[in-house]
Every structure is written in structure tokens, then in C-alpha cells.
């Protein structure tokens, strides 16, 4: 029998999920915005503090082509909970795509693509 009698399926499913995802919960990337020629990136880290590299690539799309405008990165320690990382940025008017990569121990943990309007 897959599930023991008298046990809820959700209990067994939760145990299964915790067992197989033990150390796989990683930080998430929240809001991003330009402020005073800087890019502000909010990060939520459920794990203990760790050294993390945040890389942001800014892409501009025009005439059905994509051009890399800039790349900025920073290695810092992200504590458990909410953290905001500030990177240099020189926005131009328009809509940009931001590719954000979060790396820990040389391994990509999280990546998102966001549209930012300036």
C-alpha cells in the first residue's frame, strides 16, 4: 500500500517533499527598479547566510533585434531574510529586459527575466 491506513495523503506528500528537496530551497529575486542611476534588486533568502554573486544583464530590443546594453555584477553575503543589492546602472528611456542570475558556490540557483520601463 502506497499510503499507510489512517494517514492523510498530504502528510505523506509533505514528508516526501521535505526528504527530496532538503537543501534545494534557494533565494528568490523580488522587485527590481532603477533609483538614481542604480539598479535595486530585492532578494528573499530562506537559507542561512551565504556568499552569492548577482549578475544583471540589460538587453534593449529594437528593430526585431536584441542588443546587450550592459552587464553588472556583485559578490556579497546574503543573510537569511530580505536583502536589497544595489548595482550601478545607466538607464536610457525605453523598455529594457533584465536577465538576473543568482549564483552560489559557482552554481546558478535562480534566474529571472524582467521588463523594466524607464
PDB file of N, CA and C in Angstrom:
ATOM      1  N   UNK A   1       0.847  -1.162   0.000  1.00  0.00           N
ATOM      2  CA  UNK A   1       0.000   0.000   0.000  1.00  0.00           C
ATOM      3  C   UNK A   1       0.900   1.235   0.000  1.00  0.00           C
ATOM      4  N   UNK A   2       0.587   2.197  -0.873  1.00  0.00           N
ATOM      5  CA  UNK A   2       1.411   3.391  -1.008  1.00  0.00           C
ATOM      6  C   UNK A   2       1.330   4.280   0.225  1.00  0.00           C
ATOM      7  N   UNK A   3       0.128   4.494   0.750  1.00  0.00           N
ATOM      8  CA  UNK A   3      -0.056   5.338   1.931  1.00  0.00           C
ATOM      9  C   UNK A   3      -0.582   4.486   3.071  1.00  0.00           C
ATOM     10  N   UNK A   4      -0.009   4.600   4.260  1.00  0.00           N
ATOM     11  CA  UNK A   4      -0.460   3.796   5.395  1.00  0.00           C
ATOM     12  C   UNK A   4      -1.913   4.111   5.742  1.00  0.00           C
ATOM     13  N   UNK A   5      -2.670   3.106   6.214  1.00  0.00           N
ATOM     14  CA  UNK A   5      -4.060   3.340   6.584  1.00  0.00           C
ATOM     15  C   UNK A   5      -4.151   4.386   7.692  1.00  0.00           C
ATOM     16  N   UNK A   6      -5.168   5.239   7.584  1.00  0.00           N
ATOM     17  CA  UNK A   6      -5.395   6.247   8.607  1.00  0.00           C
ATOM     18  C   UNK A   6      -4.527   7.490   8.456  1.00  0.00           C
ATOM     19  N   UNK A   7      -3.615   7.503   7.501  1.00  0.00           N
ATOM     20  CA  UNK A   7      -2.772   8.683   7.286  1.00  0.00           C
ATOM     21  C   UNK A   7      -3.324   9.474   6.114  1.00  0.00           C
ATOM     22  N   UNK A   8      -3.234  10.744   6.215  1.00  0.00           N
ATOM     23  CA  UNK A   8      -3.667  11.588   5.111  1.00  0.00           C
ATOM     24  C   UNK A   8      -2.615  11.551   4.008  1.00  0.00           C
ATOM     25  N   UNK A   9      -3.084  11.663   2.792  1.00  0.00           N
ATOM     26  CA  UNK A   9      -2.162  11.708   1.655  1.00  0.00           C
ATOM     27  C   UNK A   9      -1.260  12.928   1.771  1.00  0.00           C
ATOM     28  N   UNK A  10      -1.804  14.040   2.261  1.00  0.00           N
ATOM     29  CA  UNK A  10      -0.999  15.258   2.356  1.00  0.00           C
ATOM     30  C   UNK A  10       0.171  15.094   3.314  1.00  0.00           C
ATOM     31  N   UNK A  11      -0.001  14.361   4.417  1.00  0.00           N
ATOM     32  CA  UNK A  11       1.108  14.133   5.350  1.00  0.00           C
ATOM     33  C   UNK A  11       2.244  13.389   4.660  1.00  0.00           C
ATOM     34  N   UNK A  12       1.906  12.335   3.951  1.00  0.00           N
ATOM     35  CA  UNK A  12       2.927  11.547   3.254  1.00  0.00           C
ATOM     36  C   UNK A  12       3.582  12.362   2.152  1.00  0.00           C
ATOM     37  N   UNK A  13       2.783  13.174   1.467  1.00  0.00           N
ATOM     38  CA  UNK A  13       3.314  14.006   0.393  1.00  0.00           C
ATOM     39  C   UNK A  13       4.276  15.052   0.950  1.00  0.00           C
ATOM     40  N   UNK A  14       3.949  15.644   2.086  1.00  0.00           N
ATOM     41  CA  UNK A  14       4.838  16.620   2.713  1.00  0.00           C
ATOM     42  C   UNK A  14       6.163  15.987   3.121  1.00  0.00           C
ATOM     43  N   UNK A  15       6.104  14.821   3.704  1.00  0.00           N
ATOM     44  CA  UNK A  15       7.334  14.124   4.093  1.00  0.00           C
ATOM     45  C   UNK A  15       8.178  13.830   2.859  1.00  0.00           C
ATOM     46  N   UNK A  16       7.541  13.379   1.799  1.00  0.00           N
ATOM     47  CA  UNK A  16       8.231  13.100   0.540  1.00  0.00           C
ATOM     48  C   UNK A  16       8.919  14.360   0.019  1.00  0.00           C
ATOM     49  N   UNK A  17       8.190  15.480   0.009  1.00  0.00           N
ATOM     50  CA  UNK A  17       8.749  16.737  -0.499  1.00  0.00           C
ATOM     51  C   UNK A  17       9.926  17.208   0.340  1.00  0.00           C
ATOM     52  N   UNK A  18       9.808  17.155   1.671  1.00  0.00           N
ATOM     53  CA  UNK A  18      10.905  17.581   2.531  1.00  0.00           C
ATOM     54  C   UNK A  18      12.128  16.687   2.359  1.00  0.00           C
ATOM     55  N   UNK A  19      11.914  15.400   2.186  1.00  0.00           N
ATOM     56  CA  UNK A  19      13.018  14.459   2.039  1.00  0.00           C
ATOM     57  C   UNK A  19      13.799  14.725   0.754  1.00  0.00           C
ATOM     58  N   UNK A  20      13.089  14.958  -0.346  1.00  0.00           N
ATOM     59  CA  UNK A  20      13.757  15.100  -1.633  1.00  0.00           C
ATOM     60  C   UNK A  20      14.139  16.529  -1.989  1.00  0.00           C
ATOM     61  N   UNK A  21      13.699  17.509  -1.222  1.00  0.00           N
ATOM     62  CA  UNK A  21      14.084  18.884  -1.519  1.00  0.00           C
ATOM     63  C   UNK A  21      14.862  19.500  -0.376  1.00  0.00           C
ATOM     64  N   UNK A  22      15.400  18.701   0.496  1.00  0.00           N
ATOM     65  CA  UNK A  22      16.070  19.158   1.704  1.00  0.00           C
ATOM     66  C   UNK A  22      16.905  20.415   1.579  1.00  0.00           C
ATOM     67  N   UNK A  23      17.895  20.436   0.723  1.00  0.00           N
ATOM     68  CA  UNK A  23      18.785  21.584   0.631  1.00  0.00           C
ATOM     69  C   UNK A  23      18.606  22.312  -0.693  1.00  0.00           C
ATOM     70  N   UNK A  24      17.455  22.169  -1.319  1.00  0.00           N
ATOM     71  CA  UNK A  24      17.247  22.732  -2.645  1.00  0.00           C
ATOM     72  C   UNK A  24      16.489  24.051  -2.630  1.00  0.00           C
ATOM     73  N   UNK A  25      16.073  24.503  -1.471  1.00  0.00           N
ATOM     74  CA  UNK A  25      15.348  25.758  -1.417  1.00  0.00           C
ATOM     75  C   UNK A  25      16.365  26.874  -1.552  1.00  0.00           C
ATOM     76  N   UNK A  26      16.190  27.734  -2.563  1.00  0.00           N
ATOM     77  CA  UNK A  26      17.159  28.792  -2.787  1.00  0.00           C
ATOM     78  C   UNK A  26      16.481  30.153  -2.728  1.00  0.00           C
ATOM     79  N   UNK A  27      17.292  31.171  -2.805  1.00  0.00           N
ATOM     80  CA  UNK A  27      16.806  32.540  -2.741  1.00  0.00           C
ATOM     81  C   UNK A  27      15.941  32.860  -3.955  1.00  0.00           C
ATOM     82  N   UNK A  28      15.019  33.802  -3.766  1.00  0.00           N
ATOM     83  CA  UNK A  28      14.169  34.263  -4.863  1.00  0.00           C
ATOM     84  C   UNK A  28      14.444  35.735  -5.126  1.00  0.00           C
ATOM     85  N   UNK A  29      14.276  36.127  -6.363  1.00  0.00           N
ATOM     86  CA  UNK A  29      14.508  37.507  -6.767  1.00  0.00           C
ATOM     87  C   UNK A  29      13.169  38.221  -6.799  1.00  0.00           C
ATOM     88  N   UNK A  30      13.091  39.325  -6.073  1.00  0.00           N
ATOM     89  CA  UNK A  30      11.846  40.090  -5.975  1.00  0.00           C
ATOM     90  C   UNK A  30      11.848  41.284  -6.912  1.00  0.00           C
ATOM     91  N   UNK A  31      11.403  42.420  -6.394  1.00  0.00           N
ATOM     92  CA  UNK A  31      11.286  43.640  -7.192  1.00  0.00           C
ATOM     93  C   UNK A  31      12.644  44.153  -7.642  1.00  0.00           C
ATOM     94  N   UNK A  32      12.637  44.748  -8.837  1.00  0.00           N
ATOM     95  CA  UNK A  32      13.818  45.415  -9.381  1.00  0.00           C
ATOM     96  C   UNK A  32      13.387  46.789  -9.840  1.00  0.00           C
ATOM     97  N   UNK A  33      14.254  47.786  -9.637  1.00  0.00           N
ATOM     98  CA  UNK A  33      13.929  49.121 -10.140  1.00  0.00           C
ATOM     99  C   UNK A  33      15.193  49.966 -10.242  1.00  0.00           C
ATOM    100  N   UNK A  34      15.080  51.011 -11.057  1.00  0.00           N
ATOM    101  CA  UNK A  34      16.149  51.992 -11.171  1.00  0.00           C
ATOM    102  C   UNK A  34      15.917  53.079 -10.137  1.00  0.00           C
ATOM    103  N   UNK A  35      16.962  53.463  -9.437  1.00  0.00           N
ATOM    104  CA  UNK A  35      16.914  54.570  -8.495  1.00  0.00           C
ATOM    105  C   UNK A  35      18.245  55.304  -8.571  1.00  0.00           C
ATOM    106  N   UNK A  36      18.205  56.571  -8.980  1.00  0.00           N
ATOM    107  CA  UNK A  36      19.402  57.410  -9.011  1.00  0.00           C
ATOM    108  C   UNK A  36      20.579  56.723  -9.703  1.00  0.00           C
ATOM    109  N   UNK A  37      20.379  56.284 -10.932  1.00  0.00           N
ATOM    110  CA  UNK A  37      21.408  55.616 -11.737  1.00  0.00           C
ATOM    111  C   UNK A  37      21.951  54.340 -11.110  1.00  0.00           C
ATOM    112  N   UNK A  38      21.106  53.670 -10.344  1.00  0.00           N
ATOM    113  CA  UNK A  38      21.472  52.384  -9.765  1.00  0.00           C
ATOM    114  C   UNK A  38      20.319  51.409  -9.956  1.00  0.00           C
ATOM    115  N   UNK A  39      20.658  50.137 -10.029  1.00  0.00           N
ATOM    116  CA  UNK A  39      19.645  49.089 -10.113  1.00  0.00           C
ATOM    117  C   UNK A  39      19.502  48.487  -8.722  1.00  0.00           C
ATOM    118  N   UNK A  40      18.291  48.504  -8.218  1.00  0.00           N
ATOM    119  CA  UNK A  40      17.998  47.953  -6.898  1.00  0.00           C
ATOM    120  C   UNK A  40      17.312  46.599  -7.090  1.00  0.00           C
ATOM    121  N   UNK A  41      17.872  45.544  -6.506  1.00  0.00           N
ATOM    122  CA  UNK A  41      17.329  44.191  -6.644  1.00  0.00           C
ATOM    123  C   UNK A  41      17.018  43.635  -5.253  1.00  0.00           C
ATOM    124  N   UNK A  42      15.754  43.288  -5.024  1.00  0.00           N
ATOM    125  CA  UNK A  42      15.339  42.706  -3.742  1.00  0.00           C
ATOM    126  C   UNK A  42      15.472  41.188  -3.817  1.00  0.00           C
ATOM    127  N   UNK A  43      16.029  40.591  -2.764  1.00  0.00           N
ATOM    128  CA  UNK A  43      16.233  39.141  -2.712  1.00  0.00           C
ATOM    129  C   UNK A  43      15.696  38.613  -1.390  1.00  0.00           C
ATOM    130  N   UNK A  44      14.980  37.495  -1.460  1.00  0.00           N
ATOM    131  CA  UNK A  44      14.471  36.814  -0.264  1.00  0.00           C
ATOM    132  C   UNK A  44      15.237  35.506  -0.139  1.00  0.00           C
ATOM    133  N   UNK A  45      15.965  35.328   0.966  1.00  0.00           N
ATOM    134  CA  UNK A  45      16.781  34.134   1.172  1.00  0.00           C
ATOM    135  C   UNK A  45      16.250  33.331   2.362  1.00  0.00           C
ATOM    136  N   UNK A  46      15.673  32.132   2.122  1.00  0.00           N
ATOM    137  CA  UNK A  46      15.155  31.323   3.222  1.00  0.00           C
ATOM    138  C   UNK A  46      16.239  30.512   3.941  1.00  0.00           C
ATOM    139  N   UNK A  47      17.428  30.465   3.355  1.00  0.00           N
ATOM    140  CA  UNK A  47      18.528  29.653   3.898  1.00  0.00           C
ATOM    141  C   UNK A  47      19.454  30.503   4.763  1.00  0.00           C
ATOM    142  N   UNK A  48      20.375  29.869   5.480  1.00  0.00           N
ATOM    143  CA  UNK A  48      21.364  30.632   6.245  1.00  0.00           C
ATOM    144  C   UNK A  48      22.210  31.518   5.326  1.00  0.00           C
ATOM    145  N   UNK A  49      22.891  32.496   5.902  1.00  0.00           N
ATOM    146  CA  UNK A  49      23.712  33.432   5.134  1.00  0.00           C
ATOM    147  C   UNK A  49      24.706  32.688   4.253  1.00  0.00           C
ATOM    148  N   UNK A  50      24.908  33.216   3.033  1.00  0.00           N
ATOM    149  CA  UNK A  50      25.861  32.592   2.122  1.00  0.00           C
ATOM    150  C   UNK A  50      26.412  33.638   1.171  1.00  0.00           C
ATOM    151  N   UNK A  51      27.612  33.359   0.657  1.00  0.00           N
ATOM    152  CA  UNK A  51      28.203  34.247  -0.335  1.00  0.00           C
ATOM    153  C   UNK A  51      27.506  34.003  -1.665  1.00  0.00           C
ATOM    154  N   UNK A  52      27.074  35.077  -2.291  1.00  0.00           N
ATOM    155  CA  UNK A  52      26.268  34.979  -3.500  1.00  0.00           C
ATOM    156  C   UNK A  52      26.757  35.986  -4.530  1.00  0.00           C
ATOM    157  N   UNK A  53      26.730  35.598  -5.788  1.00  0.00           N
ATOM    158  CA  UNK A  53      27.031  36.517  -6.879  1.00  0.00           C
ATOM    159  C   UNK A  53      25.733  36.823  -7.608  1.00  0.00           C
ATOM    160  N   UNK A  54      25.452  38.103  -7.767  1.00  0.00           N
ATOM    161  CA  UNK A  54      24.276  38.549  -8.507  1.00  0.00           C
ATOM    162  C   UNK A  54      24.767  39.192  -9.787  1.00  0.00           C
ATOM    163  N   UNK A  55      24.280  38.713 -10.925  1.00  0.00           N
ATOM    164  CA  UNK A  55      24.669  39.262 -12.221  1.00  0.00           C
ATOM    165  C   UNK A  55      23.417  39.741 -12.937  1.00  0.00           C
ATOM    166  N   UNK A  56      23.449  40.984 -13.425  1.00  0.00           N
ATOM    167  CA  UNK A  56      22.327  41.553 -14.169  1.00  0.00           C
ATOM    168  C   UNK A  56      22.822  41.921 -15.561  1.00  0.00           C
ATOM    169  N   UNK A  57      22.160  41.413 -16.590  1.00  0.00           N
ATOM    170  CA  UNK A  57      22.456  41.765 -17.974  1.00  0.00           C
ATOM    171  C   UNK A  57      21.271  42.553 -18.506  1.00  0.00           C
ATOM    172  N   UNK A  58      21.546  43.733 -19.067  1.00  0.00           N
ATOM    173  CA  UNK A  58      20.491  44.599 -19.584  1.00  0.00           C
ATOM    174  C   UNK A  58      20.472  44.486 -21.100  1.00  0.00           C
ATOM    175  N   UNK A  59      19.309  44.162 -21.628  1.00  0.00           N
ATOM    176  CA  UNK A  59      19.127  43.988 -23.070  1.00  0.00           C
ATOM    177  C   UNK A  59      18.100  44.994 -23.573  1.00  0.00           C
ATOM    178  N   UNK A  60      18.357  45.590 -24.739  1.00  0.00           N
ATOM    179  CA  UNK A  60      17.415  46.506 -25.377  1.00  0.00           C
ATOM    180  C   UNK A  60      16.952  45.839 -26.670  1.00  0.00           C
ATOM    181  N   UNK A  61      15.655  45.859 -26.900  1.00  0.00           N
ATOM    182  CA  UNK A  61      15.096  45.251 -28.109  1.00  0.00           C
ATOM    183  C   UNK A  61      14.574  46.357 -29.012  1.00  0.00           C
ATOM    184  N   UNK A  62      15.063  46.384 -30.254  1.00  0.00           N
ATOM    185  CA  UNK A  62      14.590  47.352 -31.241  1.00  0.00           C
ATOM    186  C   UNK A  62      14.811  46.777 -32.632  1.00  0.00           C
ATOM    187  N   UNK A  63      13.943  47.144 -33.561  1.00  0.00           N
ATOM    188  CA  UNK A  63      14.016  46.635 -34.938  1.00  0.00           C
ATOM    189  C   UNK A  63      14.113  45.113 -34.976  1.00  0.00           C
ATOM    190  N   UNK A  64      13.360  44.452 -34.112  1.00  0.00           N
ATOM    191  CA  UNK A  64      13.328  42.992 -34.025  1.00  0.00           C
ATOM    192  C   UNK A  64      14.694  42.376 -33.708  1.00  0.00           C
ATOM    193  N   UNK A  65      15.573  43.171 -33.108  1.00  0.00           N
ATOM    194  CA  UNK A  65      16.877  42.669 -32.696  1.00  0.00           C
ATOM    195  C   UNK A  65      17.070  42.931 -31.209  1.00  0.00           C
ATOM    196  N   UNK A  66      17.923  42.153 -30.613  1.00  0.00           N
ATOM    197  CA  UNK A  66      18.235  42.283 -29.192  1.00  0.00           C
ATOM    198  C   UNK A  66      19.702  42.668 -29.058  1.00  0.00           C
ATOM    199  N   UNK A  67      19.974  43.726 -28.291  1.00  0.00           N
ATOM    200  CA  UNK A  67      21.348  44.170 -28.109  1.00  0.00           C
ATOM    201  C   UNK A  67      21.658  44.267 -26.618  1.00  0.00           C
ATOM    202  N   UNK A  68      22.806  43.713 -26.232  1.00  0.00           N
ATOM    203  CA  UNK A  68      23.226  43.809 -24.836  1.00  0.00           C
ATOM    204  C   UNK A  68      23.731  45.220 -24.578  1.00  0.00           C
ATOM    205  N   UNK A  69      23.110  45.888 -23.622  1.00  0.00           N
ATOM    206  CA  UNK A  69      23.474  47.262 -23.282  1.00  0.00           C
ATOM    207  C   UNK A  69      24.570  47.277 -22.220  1.00  0.00           C
ATOM    208  N   UNK A  70      24.414  46.468 -21.191  1.00  0.00           N
ATOM    209  CA  UNK A  70      25.385  46.464 -20.091  1.00  0.00           C
ATOM    210  C   UNK A  70      25.253  45.190 -19.275  1.00  0.00           C
ATOM    211  N   UNK A  71      26.315  44.878 -18.547  1.00  0.00           N
ATOM    212  CA  UNK A  71      26.298  43.783 -17.581  1.00  0.00           C
ATOM    213  C   UNK A  71      26.925  44.302 -16.291  1.00  0.00           C
ATOM    214  N   UNK A  72      26.253  44.036 -15.187  1.00  0.00           N
ATOM    215  CA  UNK A  72      26.773  44.443 -13.878  1.00  0.00           C
ATOM    216  C   UNK A  72      26.703  43.242 -12.950  1.00  0.00           C
ATOM    217  N   UNK A  73      27.644  43.161 -12.030  1.00  0.00           N
ATOM    218  CA  UNK A  73      27.649  42.045 -11.093  1.00  0.00           C
ATOM    219  C   UNK A  73      28.229  42.449  -9.754  1.00  0.00           C
ATOM    220  N   UNK A  74      27.896  41.672  -8.750  1.00  0.00           N
ATOM    221  CA  UNK A  74      28.376  41.950  -7.408  1.00  0.00           C
ATOM    222  C   UNK A  74      28.381  40.645  -6.613  1.00  0.00           C
ATOM    223  N   UNK A  75      29.466  40.397  -5.896  1.00  0.00           N
ATOM    224  CA  UNK A  75      29.525  39.257  -4.994  1.00  0.00           C
ATOM    225  C   UNK A  75      29.405  39.793  -3.574  1.00  0.00           C
ATOM    226  N   UNK A  76      28.465  39.250  -2.831  1.00  0.00           N
ATOM    227  CA  UNK A  76      28.197  39.729  -1.482  1.00  0.00           C
ATOM    228  C   UNK A  76      27.641  38.596  -0.635  1.00  0.00           C
ATOM    229  N   UNK A  77      27.553  38.809   0.643  1.00  0.00           N
ATOM    230  CA  UNK A  77      26.925  37.838   1.530  1.00  0.00           C
ATOM    231  C   UNK A  77      25.459  38.198   1.682  1.00  0.00           C
ATOM    232  N   UNK A  78      24.603  37.239   1.400  1.00  0.00           N
ATOM    233  CA  UNK A  78      23.166  37.448   1.551  1.00  0.00           C
ATOM    234  C   UNK A  78      22.732  36.738   2.823  1.00  0.00           C
ATOM    235  N   UNK A  79      22.205  37.510   3.748  1.00  0.00           N
ATOM    236  CA  UNK A  79      21.736  36.956   5.018  1.00  0.00           C
ATOM    237  C   UNK A  79      20.369  36.317   4.854  1.00  0.00           C
ATOM    238  N   UNK A  80      19.969  35.544   5.839  1.00  0.00           N
ATOM    239  CA  UNK A  80      18.635  34.945   5.828  1.00  0.00           C
ATOM    240  C   UNK A  80      17.608  36.073   5.920  1.00  0.00           C
ATOM    241  N   UNK A  81      16.558  35.980   5.106  1.00  0.00           N
ATOM    242  CA  UNK A  81      15.525  37.017   5.090  1.00  0.00           C
ATOM    243  C   UNK A  81      15.649  37.889   3.854  1.00  0.00           C
ATOM    244  N   UNK A  82      15.180  39.125   3.973  1.00  0.00           N
ATOM    245  CA  UNK A  82      15.172  40.047   2.838  1.00  0.00           C
ATOM    246  C   UNK A  82      16.461  40.852   2.777  1.00  0.00           C
ATOM    247  N   UNK A  83      16.989  40.981   1.557  1.00  0.00           N
ATOM    248  CA  UNK A  83      18.200  41.751   1.303  1.00  0.00           C
ATOM    249  C   UNK A  83      17.989  42.548   0.026  1.00  0.00           C
ATOM    250  N   UNK A  84      18.525  43.755  -0.031  1.00  0.00           N
ATOM    251  CA  UNK A  84      18.496  44.543  -1.262  1.00  0.00           C
ATOM    252  C   UNK A  84      19.928  44.761  -1.710  1.00  0.00           C
ATOM    253  N   UNK A  85      20.194  44.448  -2.973  1.00  0.00           N
ATOM    254  CA  UNK A  85      21.524  44.637  -3.545  1.00  0.00           C
ATOM    255  C   UNK A  85      21.439  45.779  -4.549  1.00  0.00           C
ATOM    256  N   UNK A  86      22.403  46.681  -4.482  1.00  0.00           N
ATOM    257  CA  UNK A  86      22.452  47.834  -5.374  1.00  0.00           C
ATOM    258  C   UNK A  86      23.609  47.640  -6.351  1.00  0.00           C
ATOM    259  N   UNK A  87      23.311  47.786  -7.652  1.00  0.00           N
ATOM    260  CA  UNK A  87      24.324  47.685  -8.700  1.00  0.00           C
ATOM    261  C   UNK A  87      24.314  48.972  -9.514  1.00  0.00           C
ATOM    262  N   UNK A  88      25.462  49.352 -10.100  1.00  0.00           N
ATOM    263  CA  UNK A  88      25.466  50.550 -10.946  1.00  0.00           C
ATOM    264  C   UNK A  88      24.628  50.317 -12.197  1.00  0.00           C
ATOM    265  N   UNK A  89      23.927  51.355 -12.634  1.00  0.00           N
ATOM    266  CA  UNK A  89      23.114  51.251 -13.844  1.00  0.00           C
ATOM    267  C   UNK A  89      22.961  52.617 -14.476  1.00  0.00           C
ATOM    268  N   UNK A  90      22.953  52.662 -15.774  1.00  0.00           N
ATOM    269  CA  UNK A  90      22.815  53.921 -16.500  1.00  0.00           C
ATOM    270  C   UNK A  90      21.641  53.793 -17.459  1.00  0.00           C
ATOM    271  N   UNK A  91      20.435  54.001 -16.951  1.00  0.00           N
ATOM    272  CA  UNK A  91      19.255  53.762 -17.777  1.00  0.00           C
ATOM    273  C   UNK A  91      19.071  54.792 -18.884  1.00  0.00           C
ATOM    274  N   UNK A  92      18.547  54.324 -19.991  1.00  0.00           N
ATOM    275  CA  UNK A  92      18.100  55.193 -21.071  1.00  0.00           C
ATOM    276  C   UNK A  92      16.593  55.028 -21.146  1.00  0.00           C
ATOM    277  N   UNK A  93      15.918  56.033 -21.668  1.00  0.00           N
ATOM    278  CA  UNK A  93      14.463  55.944 -21.792  1.00  0.00           C
ATOM    279  C   UNK A  93      14.083  54.768 -22.687  1.00  0.00           C
ATOM    280  N   UNK A  94      13.075  54.021 -22.273  1.00  0.00           N
ATOM    281  CA  UNK A  94      12.600  52.890 -23.059  1.00  0.00           C
ATOM    282  C   UNK A  94      12.334  51.690 -22.179  1.00  0.00           C
ATOM    283  N   UNK A  95      12.104  50.564 -22.833  1.00  0.00           N
ATOM    284  CA  UNK A  95      11.851  49.315 -22.123  1.00  0.00           C
ATOM    285  C   UNK A  95      13.050  48.394 -22.312  1.00  0.00           C
ATOM    286  N   UNK A  96      13.602  47.948 -21.215  1.00  0.00           N
ATOM    287  CA  UNK A  96      14.741  47.031 -21.244  1.00  0.00           C
ATOM    288  C   UNK A  96      14.332  45.685 -20.675  1.00  0.00           C
ATOM    289  N   UNK A  97      15.036  44.655 -21.088  1.00  0.00           N
ATOM    290  CA  UNK A  97      14.898  43.334 -20.477  1.00  0.00           C
ATOM    291  C   UNK A  97      16.113  43.134 -19.589  1.00  0.00           C
ATOM    292  N   UNK A  98      15.861  42.709 -18.365  1.00  0.00           N
ATOM    293  CA  UNK A  98      16.934  42.445 -17.415  1.00  0.00           C
ATOM    294  C   UNK A  98      16.973  40.947 -17.140  1.00  0.00           C
ATOM    295  N   UNK A  99      18.103  40.330 -17.438  1.00  0.00           N
ATOM    296  CA  UNK A  99      18.321  38.938 -17.086  1.00  0.00           C
ATOM    297  C   UNK A  99      19.101  38.940 -15.779  1.00  0.00           C
ATOM    298  N   UNK A 100      18.523  38.338 -14.749  1.00  0.00           N
ATOM    299  CA  UNK A 100      19.145  38.347 -13.429  1.00  0.00           C
ATOM    300  C   UNK A 100      19.501  36.917 -13.047  1.00  0.00           C
ATOM    301  N   UNK A 101      20.773  36.686 -12.745  1.00  0.00           N
ATOM    302  CA  UNK A 101      21.255  35.368 -12.328  1.00  0.00           C
ATOM    303  C   UNK A 101      21.792  35.456 -10.911  1.00  0.00           C
ATOM    304  N   UNK A 102      21.406  34.505 -10.096  1.00  0.00           N
ATOM    305  CA  UNK A 102      21.886  34.410  -8.721  1.00  0.00           C
ATOM    306  C   UNK A 102      22.708  33.133  -8.624  1.00  0.00           C
ATOM    307  N   UNK A 103      24.006  33.279  -8.306  1.00  0.00           N
ATOM    308  CA  UNK A 103      24.918  32.138  -8.248  1.00  0.00           C
ATOM    309  C   UNK A 103      25.436  31.961  -6.831  1.00  0.00           C
ATOM    310  N   UNK A 104      25.463  30.711  -6.377  1.00  0.00           N
ATOM    311  CA  UNK A 104      26.038  30.377  -5.078  1.00  0.00           C
ATOM    312  C   UNK A 104      26.981  29.201  -5.270  1.00  0.00           C
ATOM    313  N   UNK A 105      28.195  29.343  -4.765  1.00  0.00           N
ATOM    314  CA  UNK A 105      29.222  28.302  -4.914  1.00  0.00           C
ATOM    315  C   UNK A 105      29.443  27.935  -6.377  1.00  0.00           C
ATOM    316  N   UNK A 106      29.399  28.935  -7.259  1.00  0.00           N
ATOM    317  CA  UNK A 106      29.632  28.713  -8.676  1.00  0.00           C
ATOM    318  C   UNK A 106      28.494  28.042  -9.414  1.00  0.00           C
ATOM    319  N   UNK A 107      27.368  27.850  -8.758  1.00  0.00           N
ATOM    320  CA  UNK A 107      26.225  27.162  -9.354  1.00  0.00           C
ATOM    321  C   UNK A 107      25.029  28.110  -9.423  1.00  0.00           C
ATOM    322  N   UNK A 108      24.379  28.152 -10.582  1.00  0.00           N
ATOM    323  CA  UNK A 108      23.207  29.012 -10.734  1.00  0.00           C
ATOM    324  C   UNK A 108      22.058  28.478  -9.890  1.00  0.00           C
ATOM    325  N   UNK A 109      21.535  29.326  -9.014  1.00  0.00           N
ATOM    326  CA  UNK A 109      20.437  28.936  -8.132  1.00  0.00           C
ATOM    327  C   UNK A 109      19.101  29.483  -8.611  1.00  0.00           C
ATOM    328  N   UNK A 110      19.108  30.696  -9.118  1.00  0.00           N
ATOM    329  CA  UNK A 110      17.880  31.349  -9.541  1.00  0.00           C
ATOM    330  C   UNK A 110      18.184  32.225 -10.743  1.00  0.00           C
ATOM    331  N   UNK A 111      17.248  32.303 -11.674  1.00  0.00           N
ATOM    332  CA  UNK A 111      17.374  33.204 -12.821  1.00  0.00           C
ATOM    333  C   UNK A 111      15.986  33.703 -13.199  1.00  0.00           C
ATOM    334  N   UNK A 112      15.898  34.996 -13.505  1.00  0.00           N
ATOM    335  CA  UNK A 112      14.629  35.574 -13.952  1.00  0.00           C
ATOM    336  C   UNK A 112      14.913  36.564 -15.069  1.00  0.00           C
ATOM    337  N   UNK A 113      13.884  36.831 -15.861  1.00  0.00           N
ATOM    338  CA  UNK A 113      13.939  37.874 -16.881  1.00  0.00           C
ATOM    339  C   UNK A 113      12.803  38.830 -16.567  1.00  0.00           C
ATOM    340  N   UNK A 114      13.133  40.116 -16.471  1.00  0.00           N
ATOM    341  CA  UNK A 114      12.136  41.127 -16.131  1.00  0.00           C
ATOM    342  C   UNK A 114      12.171  42.250 -17.156  1.00  0.00           C
ATOM    343  N   UNK A 115      11.004  42.807 -17.459  1.00  0.00           N
ATOM    344  CA  UNK A 115      10.908  44.013 -18.273  1.00  0.00           C
ATOM    345  C   UNK A 115      10.913  45.206 -17.330  1.00  0.00           C
ATOM    346  N   UNK A 116      11.780  46.172 -17.602  1.00  0.00           N
ATOM    347  CA  UNK A 116      11.869  47.382 -16.795  1.00  0.00           C
ATOM    348  C   UNK A 116      11.641  48.570 -17.729  1.00  0.00           C
ATOM    349  N   UNK A 117      10.691  49.430 -17.384  1.00  0.00           N
ATOM    350  CA  UNK A 117      10.406  50.623 -18.176  1.00  0.00           C
ATOM    351  C   UNK A 117      11.036  51.819 -17.482  1.00  0.00           C
ATOM    352  N   UNK A 118      11.821  52.584 -18.246  1.00  0.00           N
ATOM    353  CA  UNK A 118      12.478  53.780 -17.696  1.00  0.00           C
ATOM    354  C   UNK A 118      11.828  55.004 -18.289  1.00  0.00           C
TER     355      UNK A 118
END
